[in-house]
N, C-alpha and C. Protein backbone atom coordinates (compact mmCIF):
# COMPACT_ATOMS: atom_id res chain seq x y z
N MET A 1 -48.95 -4.47 -93.16
CA MET A 1 -49.61 -4.98 -91.97
C MET A 1 -48.72 -5.96 -91.22
N LYS A 2 -48.02 -6.83 -91.96
CA LYS A 2 -47.13 -7.80 -91.33
C LYS A 2 -45.96 -7.10 -90.63
N THR A 3 -45.51 -5.99 -91.20
CA THR A 3 -44.41 -5.24 -90.59
C THR A 3 -44.84 -4.66 -89.25
N ILE A 4 -46.05 -4.18 -89.16
CA ILE A 4 -46.56 -3.61 -87.91
C ILE A 4 -46.67 -4.71 -86.85
N ILE A 5 -47.14 -5.88 -87.24
CA ILE A 5 -47.26 -6.99 -86.30
C ILE A 5 -45.88 -7.45 -85.83
N LYS A 6 -44.92 -7.55 -86.76
CA LYS A 6 -43.56 -7.96 -86.39
C LYS A 6 -42.92 -6.93 -85.45
N THR A 7 -43.14 -5.65 -85.73
CA THR A 7 -42.60 -4.60 -84.88
C THR A 7 -43.22 -4.67 -83.49
N GLY A 8 -44.52 -4.90 -83.43
CA GLY A 8 -45.21 -5.01 -82.14
C GLY A 8 -44.70 -6.20 -81.33
N ILE A 9 -44.48 -7.32 -82.01
CA ILE A 9 -43.96 -8.51 -81.32
C ILE A 9 -42.55 -8.25 -80.81
N LEU A 10 -41.72 -7.61 -81.63
CA LEU A 10 -40.34 -7.29 -81.22
C LEU A 10 -40.33 -6.35 -80.03
N LEU A 11 -41.16 -5.32 -80.06
CA LEU A 11 -41.23 -4.38 -78.94
C LEU A 11 -41.74 -5.06 -77.67
N SER A 12 -42.72 -5.94 -77.81
CA SER A 12 -43.23 -6.68 -76.65
C SER A 12 -42.15 -7.56 -76.04
N PHE A 13 -41.38 -8.23 -76.91
CA PHE A 13 -40.30 -9.09 -76.44
C PHE A 13 -39.24 -8.26 -75.70
N CYS A 14 -38.87 -7.12 -76.26
CA CYS A 14 -37.87 -6.25 -75.61
C CYS A 14 -38.38 -5.76 -74.25
N LEU A 15 -39.65 -5.43 -74.18
CA LEU A 15 -40.23 -4.97 -72.92
C LEU A 15 -40.20 -6.07 -71.87
N ILE A 16 -40.52 -7.28 -72.26
CA ILE A 16 -40.49 -8.42 -71.34
C ILE A 16 -39.07 -8.67 -70.84
N VAL A 17 -38.10 -8.62 -71.74
CA VAL A 17 -36.71 -8.86 -71.34
C VAL A 17 -36.23 -7.78 -70.39
N LEU A 18 -36.53 -6.52 -70.69
CA LEU A 18 -36.07 -5.42 -69.84
C LEU A 18 -36.72 -5.44 -68.46
N THR A 19 -37.99 -5.78 -68.39
CA THR A 19 -38.66 -5.79 -67.10
C THR A 19 -38.28 -7.01 -66.26
N SER A 20 -37.82 -8.07 -66.91
CA SER A 20 -37.44 -9.27 -66.15
C SER A 20 -36.01 -9.20 -65.63
N MET A 21 -35.23 -8.23 -66.12
CA MET A 21 -33.85 -8.09 -65.66
C MET A 21 -33.85 -7.59 -64.22
N THR A 22 -33.04 -8.22 -63.40
CA THR A 22 -32.91 -7.77 -62.02
C THR A 22 -31.55 -7.13 -61.84
N PHE A 23 -31.53 -6.02 -61.15
CA PHE A 23 -30.29 -5.31 -60.90
C PHE A 23 -29.87 -5.57 -59.46
N LYS A 24 -28.68 -6.09 -59.29
CA LYS A 24 -28.18 -6.38 -57.95
C LYS A 24 -27.65 -5.10 -57.32
N PRO A 25 -27.93 -4.91 -56.04
CA PRO A 25 -27.38 -3.73 -55.37
C PRO A 25 -25.87 -3.86 -55.17
N LYS A 26 -25.20 -2.73 -55.11
CA LYS A 26 -23.75 -2.73 -54.84
C LYS A 26 -23.54 -3.05 -53.37
N ARG A 27 -22.50 -3.82 -53.08
CA ARG A 27 -22.22 -4.19 -51.69
C ARG A 27 -21.12 -3.30 -51.12
N ILE A 28 -21.38 -2.83 -49.92
CA ILE A 28 -20.38 -2.09 -49.15
C ILE A 28 -20.11 -2.93 -47.91
N ILE A 29 -18.88 -3.39 -47.78
CA ILE A 29 -18.53 -4.27 -46.66
C ILE A 29 -17.52 -3.56 -45.75
N PHE A 30 -17.87 -3.49 -44.47
CA PHE A 30 -16.97 -2.95 -43.46
C PHE A 30 -16.36 -4.15 -42.74
N PHE A 31 -15.07 -4.33 -42.87
CA PHE A 31 -14.44 -5.44 -42.15
C PHE A 31 -13.32 -4.89 -41.28
N GLY A 32 -13.12 -5.54 -40.15
CA GLY A 32 -12.12 -5.06 -39.23
C GLY A 32 -12.20 -5.78 -37.90
N ASP A 33 -11.90 -5.02 -36.84
CA ASP A 33 -11.80 -5.60 -35.50
C ASP A 33 -13.04 -5.29 -34.67
N SER A 34 -12.86 -5.18 -33.35
CA SER A 34 -14.00 -4.99 -32.45
C SER A 34 -14.70 -3.64 -32.66
N ILE A 35 -13.99 -2.63 -33.12
CA ILE A 35 -14.61 -1.34 -33.39
C ILE A 35 -15.63 -1.48 -34.52
N THR A 36 -15.24 -2.20 -35.55
CA THR A 36 -16.15 -2.46 -36.66
C THR A 36 -17.30 -3.35 -36.22
N GLN A 37 -17.02 -4.29 -35.34
CA GLN A 37 -18.06 -5.17 -34.83
C GLN A 37 -19.11 -4.36 -34.07
N GLN A 38 -18.69 -3.38 -33.30
CA GLN A 38 -19.63 -2.52 -32.57
C GLN A 38 -20.37 -1.56 -33.50
N GLY A 39 -19.82 -1.33 -34.69
CA GLY A 39 -20.48 -0.46 -35.67
C GLY A 39 -21.79 -1.01 -36.18
N VAL A 40 -22.01 -2.30 -35.97
CA VAL A 40 -23.25 -2.94 -36.42
C VAL A 40 -24.34 -2.84 -35.35
N SER A 41 -24.00 -2.36 -34.16
CA SER A 41 -24.98 -2.24 -33.09
C SER A 41 -26.09 -1.25 -33.46
N LYS A 42 -27.06 -1.10 -32.59
CA LYS A 42 -28.26 -0.30 -32.87
C LYS A 42 -27.94 1.12 -33.35
N ASN A 43 -27.00 1.78 -32.72
CA ASN A 43 -26.63 3.15 -33.09
C ASN A 43 -25.22 3.23 -33.64
N GLY A 44 -24.69 2.13 -34.12
CA GLY A 44 -23.34 2.10 -34.66
C GLY A 44 -23.24 2.76 -36.02
N TYR A 45 -22.02 3.06 -36.44
CA TYR A 45 -21.83 3.79 -37.69
C TYR A 45 -22.22 2.96 -38.91
N VAL A 46 -22.03 1.65 -38.87
CA VAL A 46 -22.42 0.81 -40.01
C VAL A 46 -23.95 0.84 -40.17
N THR A 47 -24.66 0.75 -39.06
CA THR A 47 -26.11 0.78 -39.09
C THR A 47 -26.62 2.13 -39.57
N LEU A 48 -25.99 3.21 -39.11
CA LEU A 48 -26.41 4.55 -39.54
C LEU A 48 -26.20 4.75 -41.03
N ILE A 49 -25.08 4.26 -41.55
CA ILE A 49 -24.83 4.37 -42.99
C ILE A 49 -25.83 3.53 -43.76
N LYS A 50 -26.12 2.34 -43.25
CA LYS A 50 -27.09 1.46 -43.91
C LYS A 50 -28.47 2.12 -43.98
N LYS A 51 -28.87 2.80 -42.91
CA LYS A 51 -30.17 3.47 -42.87
C LYS A 51 -30.20 4.68 -43.81
N SER A 52 -29.07 5.34 -43.99
CA SER A 52 -29.05 6.55 -44.81
C SER A 52 -28.98 6.27 -46.31
N LEU A 53 -28.58 5.06 -46.69
CA LEU A 53 -28.49 4.71 -48.11
C LEU A 53 -29.74 3.97 -48.57
N ASP A 54 -30.01 4.06 -49.85
CA ASP A 54 -31.15 3.36 -50.45
C ASP A 54 -30.86 1.87 -50.49
N SER A 55 -31.70 1.07 -49.83
CA SER A 55 -31.45 -0.37 -49.74
C SER A 55 -31.61 -1.07 -51.08
N ALA A 56 -32.29 -0.45 -52.02
CA ALA A 56 -32.42 -1.05 -53.35
C ALA A 56 -31.13 -0.91 -54.15
N LYS A 57 -30.31 0.09 -53.81
CA LYS A 57 -29.07 0.34 -54.55
C LYS A 57 -27.84 -0.17 -53.83
N TYR A 58 -27.89 -0.24 -52.49
CA TYR A 58 -26.71 -0.61 -51.71
C TYR A 58 -27.04 -1.67 -50.66
N ASP A 59 -26.16 -2.63 -50.54
CA ASP A 59 -26.26 -3.66 -49.51
C ASP A 59 -25.07 -3.45 -48.57
N VAL A 60 -25.34 -2.93 -47.38
CA VAL A 60 -24.27 -2.60 -46.42
C VAL A 60 -24.11 -3.77 -45.45
N ILE A 61 -22.87 -4.25 -45.34
CA ILE A 61 -22.57 -5.42 -44.51
C ILE A 61 -21.47 -5.06 -43.52
N GLY A 62 -21.69 -5.34 -42.25
CA GLY A 62 -20.67 -5.17 -41.23
C GLY A 62 -20.06 -6.52 -40.89
N ALA A 63 -18.76 -6.66 -41.12
CA ALA A 63 -18.10 -7.94 -40.91
C ALA A 63 -16.93 -7.81 -39.96
N GLY A 64 -17.14 -7.13 -38.85
CA GLY A 64 -16.07 -6.96 -37.88
C GLY A 64 -16.05 -8.11 -36.87
N ILE A 65 -14.84 -8.54 -36.52
CA ILE A 65 -14.67 -9.60 -35.54
C ILE A 65 -13.65 -9.12 -34.51
N GLY A 66 -14.07 -9.11 -33.22
CA GLY A 66 -13.19 -8.66 -32.15
C GLY A 66 -11.91 -9.49 -32.10
N GLY A 67 -10.78 -8.82 -32.01
CA GLY A 67 -9.49 -9.49 -31.95
C GLY A 67 -8.81 -9.64 -33.29
N ASN A 68 -9.53 -9.36 -34.38
CA ASN A 68 -8.92 -9.46 -35.70
C ASN A 68 -7.89 -8.35 -35.89
N LYS A 69 -6.87 -8.66 -36.66
CA LYS A 69 -5.88 -7.66 -37.06
C LYS A 69 -5.92 -7.56 -38.57
N VAL A 70 -6.33 -6.40 -39.03
CA VAL A 70 -6.45 -6.20 -40.48
C VAL A 70 -5.16 -5.68 -41.05
């Protein structure tokens, strides 16, 4: 009987630990010049890619700055 209780407690603990773990999404960063900066606009390529990917798995970031030289 004690073995069953210990097993139940161990399984409950494992379930709590697994459900409390948070998985961070992978980041995709587009960096560059003014073309990349425009990619973040309403119909830009960065926005389209962001919409097509699962937001729970991927974090898409557009980091373009006009005049930058990469």
